[in-house]
PDB file of N, CA and C in Angstrom:
ATOM      1  N   UNK A   1      -1.778-113.135 -75.748  1.00  0.00           N
ATOM      2  CA  UNK A   1      -2.729-114.236 -75.664  1.00  0.00           C
ATOM      3  C   UNK A   1      -3.130-114.637 -77.080  1.00  0.00           C
ATOM      4  N   UNK A   2      -3.198-115.920 -77.304  1.00  0.00           N
ATOM      5  CA  UNK A   2      -3.627-116.434 -78.604  1.00  0.00           C
ATOM      6  C   UNK A   2      -5.127-116.225 -78.772  1.00  0.00           C
ATOM      7  N   UNK A   3      -5.562-116.168 -80.013  1.00  0.00           N
ATOM      8  CA  UNK A   3      -6.987-115.990 -80.285  1.00  0.00           C
ATOM      9  C   UNK A   3      -7.787-117.243 -79.977  1.00  0.00           C
ATOM     10  N   UNK A   4      -9.074-117.100 -79.989  1.00  0.00           N
ATOM     11  CA  UNK A   4      -9.947-118.236 -79.755  1.00  0.00           C
ATOM     12  C   UNK A   4      -9.941-119.147 -80.961  1.00  0.00           C
ATOM     13  N   UNK A   5     -10.010-120.432 -80.708  1.00  0.00           N
ATOM     14  CA  UNK A   5     -10.139-121.401 -81.783  1.00  0.00           C
ATOM     15  C   UNK A   5     -11.597-121.835 -81.860  1.00  0.00           C
ATOM     16  N   UNK A   6     -11.993-122.313 -83.001  1.00  0.00           N
ATOM     17  CA  UNK A   6     -13.355-122.788 -83.184  1.00  0.00           C
ATOM     18  C   UNK A   6     -13.642-123.920 -82.192  1.00  0.00           C
ATOM     19  N   UNK A   7     -14.804-123.889 -81.569  1.00  0.00           N
ATOM     20  CA  UNK A   7     -15.174-124.888 -80.575  1.00  0.00           C
ATOM     21  C   UNK A   7     -15.400-126.237 -81.239  1.00  0.00           C
ATOM     22  N   UNK A   8     -14.824-127.274 -80.643  1.00  0.00           N
ATOM     23  CA  UNK A   8     -15.024-128.641 -81.119  1.00  0.00           C
ATOM     24  C   UNK A   8     -15.414-129.501 -79.927  1.00  0.00           C
ATOM     25  N   UNK A   9     -16.418-130.335 -80.101  1.00  0.00           N
ATOM     26  CA  UNK A   9     -16.903-131.173 -78.997  1.00  0.00           C
ATOM     27  C   UNK A   9     -15.846-132.135 -78.477  1.00  0.00           C
ATOM     28  N   UNK A  10     -14.951-132.601 -79.340  1.00  0.00           N
ATOM     29  CA  UNK A  10     -13.942-133.570 -78.917  1.00  0.00           C
ATOM     30  C   UNK A  10     -12.689-132.916 -78.321  1.00  0.00           C
ATOM     31  N   UNK A  11     -12.670-131.602 -78.243  1.00  0.00           N
ATOM     32  CA  UNK A  11     -11.529-130.875 -77.695  1.00  0.00           C
ATOM     33  C   UNK A  11     -11.544-130.933 -76.166  1.00  0.00           C
ATOM     34  N   UNK A  12     -10.371-130.977 -75.527  1.00  0.00           N
ATOM     35  CA  UNK A  12     -10.326-130.943 -74.066  1.00  0.00           C
ATOM     36  C   UNK A  12     -10.559-129.536 -73.502  1.00  0.00           C
ATOM     37  N   UNK A  13     -10.665-128.536 -74.388  1.00  0.00           N
ATOM     38  CA  UNK A  13     -10.856-127.146 -73.985  1.00  0.00           C
ATOM     39  C   UNK A  13     -12.314-126.750 -74.176  1.00  0.00           C
ATOM     40  N   UNK A  14     -12.844-126.005 -73.218  1.00  0.00           N
ATOM     41  CA  UNK A  14     -14.206-125.513 -73.324  1.00  0.00           C
ATOM     42  C   UNK A  14     -14.230-124.047 -72.932  1.00  0.00           C
ATOM     43  N   UNK A  15     -15.274-123.346 -73.321  1.00  0.00           N
ATOM     44  CA  UNK A  15     -15.421-121.925 -73.026  1.00  0.00           C
ATOM     45  C   UNK A  15     -16.695-121.696 -72.230  1.00  0.00           C
ATOM     46  N   UNK A  16     -16.614-120.795 -71.279  1.00  0.00           N
ATOM     47  CA  UNK A  16     -17.795-120.331 -70.557  1.00  0.00           C
ATOM     48  C   UNK A  16     -17.837-118.828 -70.757  1.00  0.00           C
ATOM     49  N   UNK A  17     -18.641-118.393 -71.706  1.00  0.00           N
ATOM     50  CA  UNK A  17     -18.706-116.967 -72.011  1.00  0.00           C
ATOM     51  C   UNK A  17     -19.736-116.291 -71.109  1.00  0.00           C
ATOM     52  N   UNK A  18     -19.279-115.346 -70.336  1.00  0.00           N
ATOM     53  CA  UNK A  18     -20.171-114.633 -69.430  1.00  0.00           C
ATOM     54  C   UNK A  18     -19.801-114.918 -67.990  1.00  0.00           C
ATOM     55  N   UNK A  19     -20.026-113.940 -67.161  1.00  0.00           N
ATOM     56  CA  UNK A  19     -19.608-114.053 -65.770  1.00  0.00           C
ATOM     57  C   UNK A  19     -20.438-115.063 -64.978  1.00  0.00           C
ATOM     58  N   UNK A  20     -21.722-115.168 -65.284  1.00  0.00           N
ATOM     59  CA  UNK A  20     -22.579-116.087 -64.537  1.00  0.00           C
ATOM     60  C   UNK A  20     -22.141-117.529 -64.732  1.00  0.00           C
ATOM     61  N   UNK A  21     -21.925-117.929 -65.977  1.00  0.00           N
ATOM     62  CA  UNK A  21     -21.488-119.301 -66.242  1.00  0.00           C
ATOM     63  C   UNK A  21     -20.105-119.583 -65.661  1.00  0.00           C
ATOM     64  N   UNK A  22     -19.237-118.588 -65.719  1.00  0.00           N
ATOM     65  CA  UNK A  22     -17.897-118.749 -65.171  1.00  0.00           C
ATOM     66  C   UNK A  22     -17.951-118.932 -63.655  1.00  0.00           C
ATOM     67  N   UNK A  23     -18.752-118.123 -62.960  1.00  0.00           N
ATOM     68  CA  UNK A  23     -18.880-118.263 -61.507  1.00  0.00           C
ATOM     69  C   UNK A  23     -19.490-119.612 -61.122  1.00  0.00           C
ATOM     70  N   UNK A  24     -20.455-120.065 -61.879  1.00  0.00           N
ATOM     71  CA  UNK A  24     -21.060-121.369 -61.593  1.00  0.00           C
ATOM     72  C   UNK A  24     -20.029-122.489 -61.740  1.00  0.00           C
ATOM     73  N   UNK A  25     -19.223-122.417 -62.771  1.00  0.00           N
ATOM     74  CA  UNK A  25     -18.181-123.421 -62.973  1.00  0.00           C
ATOM     75  C   UNK A  25     -17.161-123.377 -61.842  1.00  0.00           C
ATOM     76  N   UNK A  26     -16.728-122.169 -61.453  1.00  0.00           N
ATOM     77  CA  UNK A  26     -15.777-122.042 -60.353  1.00  0.00           C
ATOM     78  C   UNK A  26     -16.357-122.523 -59.033  1.00  0.00           C
ATOM     79  N   UNK A  27     -17.628-122.341 -58.859  1.00  0.00           N
ATOM     80  CA  UNK A  27     -18.280-122.734 -57.604  1.00  0.00           C
ATOM     81  C   UNK A  27     -18.474-124.246 -57.487  1.00  0.00           C
ATOM     82  N   UNK A  28     -18.911-124.887 -58.575  1.00  0.00           N
ATOM     83  CA  UNK A  28     -19.293-126.288 -58.488  1.00  0.00           C
ATOM     84  C   UNK A  28     -18.266-127.279 -59.035  1.00  0.00           C
ATOM     85  N   UNK A  29     -17.356-126.812 -59.884  1.00  0.00           N
ATOM     86  CA  UNK A  29     -16.337-127.715 -60.425  1.00  0.00           C
ATOM     87  C   UNK A  29     -14.998-126.995 -60.573  1.00  0.00           C
ATOM     88  N   UNK A  30     -14.485-126.454 -59.485  1.00  0.00           N
ATOM     89  CA  UNK A  30     -13.252-125.670 -59.571  1.00  0.00           C
ATOM     90  C   UNK A  30     -12.041-126.487 -60.020  1.00  0.00           C
ATOM     91  N   UNK A  31     -12.056-127.782 -59.811  1.00  0.00           N
ATOM     92  CA  UNK A  31     -10.940-128.629 -60.222  1.00  0.00           C
ATOM     93  C   UNK A  31     -10.812-128.724 -61.742  1.00  0.00           C
ATOM     94  N   UNK A  32     -11.840-128.351 -62.471  1.00  0.00           N
ATOM     95  CA  UNK A  32     -11.812-128.409 -63.937  1.00  0.00           C
ATOM     96  C   UNK A  32     -11.401-127.092 -64.579  1.00  0.00           C
ATOM     97  N   UNK A  33     -11.182-126.069 -63.761  1.00  0.00           N
ATOM     98  CA  UNK A  33     -10.814-124.744 -64.285  1.00  0.00           C
ATOM     99  C   UNK A  33      -9.299-124.581 -64.205  1.00  0.00           C
ATOM    100  N   UNK A  34      -8.689-124.224 -65.337  1.00  0.00           N
ATOM    101  CA  UNK A  34      -7.251-123.966 -65.342  1.00  0.00           C
ATOM    102  C   UNK A  34      -6.941-122.495 -65.542  1.00  0.00           C
ATOM    103  N   UNK A  35      -7.803-121.769 -66.285  1.00  0.00           N
ATOM    104  CA  UNK A  35      -7.576-120.351 -66.527  1.00  0.00           C
ATOM    105  C   UNK A  35      -8.909-119.631 -66.675  1.00  0.00           C
ATOM    106  N   UNK A  36      -8.896-118.379 -66.276  1.00  0.00           N
ATOM    107  CA  UNK A  36     -10.035-117.500 -66.521  1.00  0.00           C
ATOM    108  C   UNK A  36      -9.477-116.232 -67.139  1.00  0.00           C
ATOM    109  N   UNK A  37      -9.921-115.929 -68.338  1.00  0.00           N
ATOM    110  CA  UNK A  37      -9.493-114.721 -69.030  1.00  0.00           C
ATOM    111  C   UNK A  37     -10.550-113.635 -68.839  1.00  0.00           C
ATOM    112  N   UNK A  38     -10.076-112.452 -68.485  1.00  0.00           N
ATOM    113  CA  UNK A  38     -10.980-111.323 -68.260  1.00  0.00           C
ATOM    114  C   UNK A  38     -10.512-110.168 -69.165  1.00  0.00           C
ATOM    115  N   UNK A  39     -11.461-109.530 -69.788  1.00  0.00           N
ATOM    116  CA  UNK A  39     -11.160-108.388 -70.644  1.00  0.00           C
ATOM    117  C   UNK A  39     -11.981-107.183 -70.191  1.00  0.00           C
ATOM    118  N   UNK A  40     -11.431-105.996 -70.241  1.00  0.00           N
ATOM    119  CA  UNK A  40     -12.194-104.827 -69.834  1.00  0.00           C
ATOM    120  C   UNK A  40     -13.342-104.492 -70.800  1.00  0.00           C
ATOM    121  N   UNK A  41     -13.305-105.057 -71.981  1.00  0.00           N
ATOM    122  CA  UNK A  41     -14.390-104.816 -72.950  1.00  0.00           C
ATOM    123  C   UNK A  41     -15.591-105.577 -72.483  1.00  0.00           C
TER     124      UNK A  41
END
């Protein structure tokens, strides 16, 4: 997996760090989610 890139507002990619935000996104806007990365750390 490639590393994270610096967040840019004009980028089509966004990050939801944390399980709560990720679940909310999956629940209310699942069509906008393409991948969810999970790490044991």
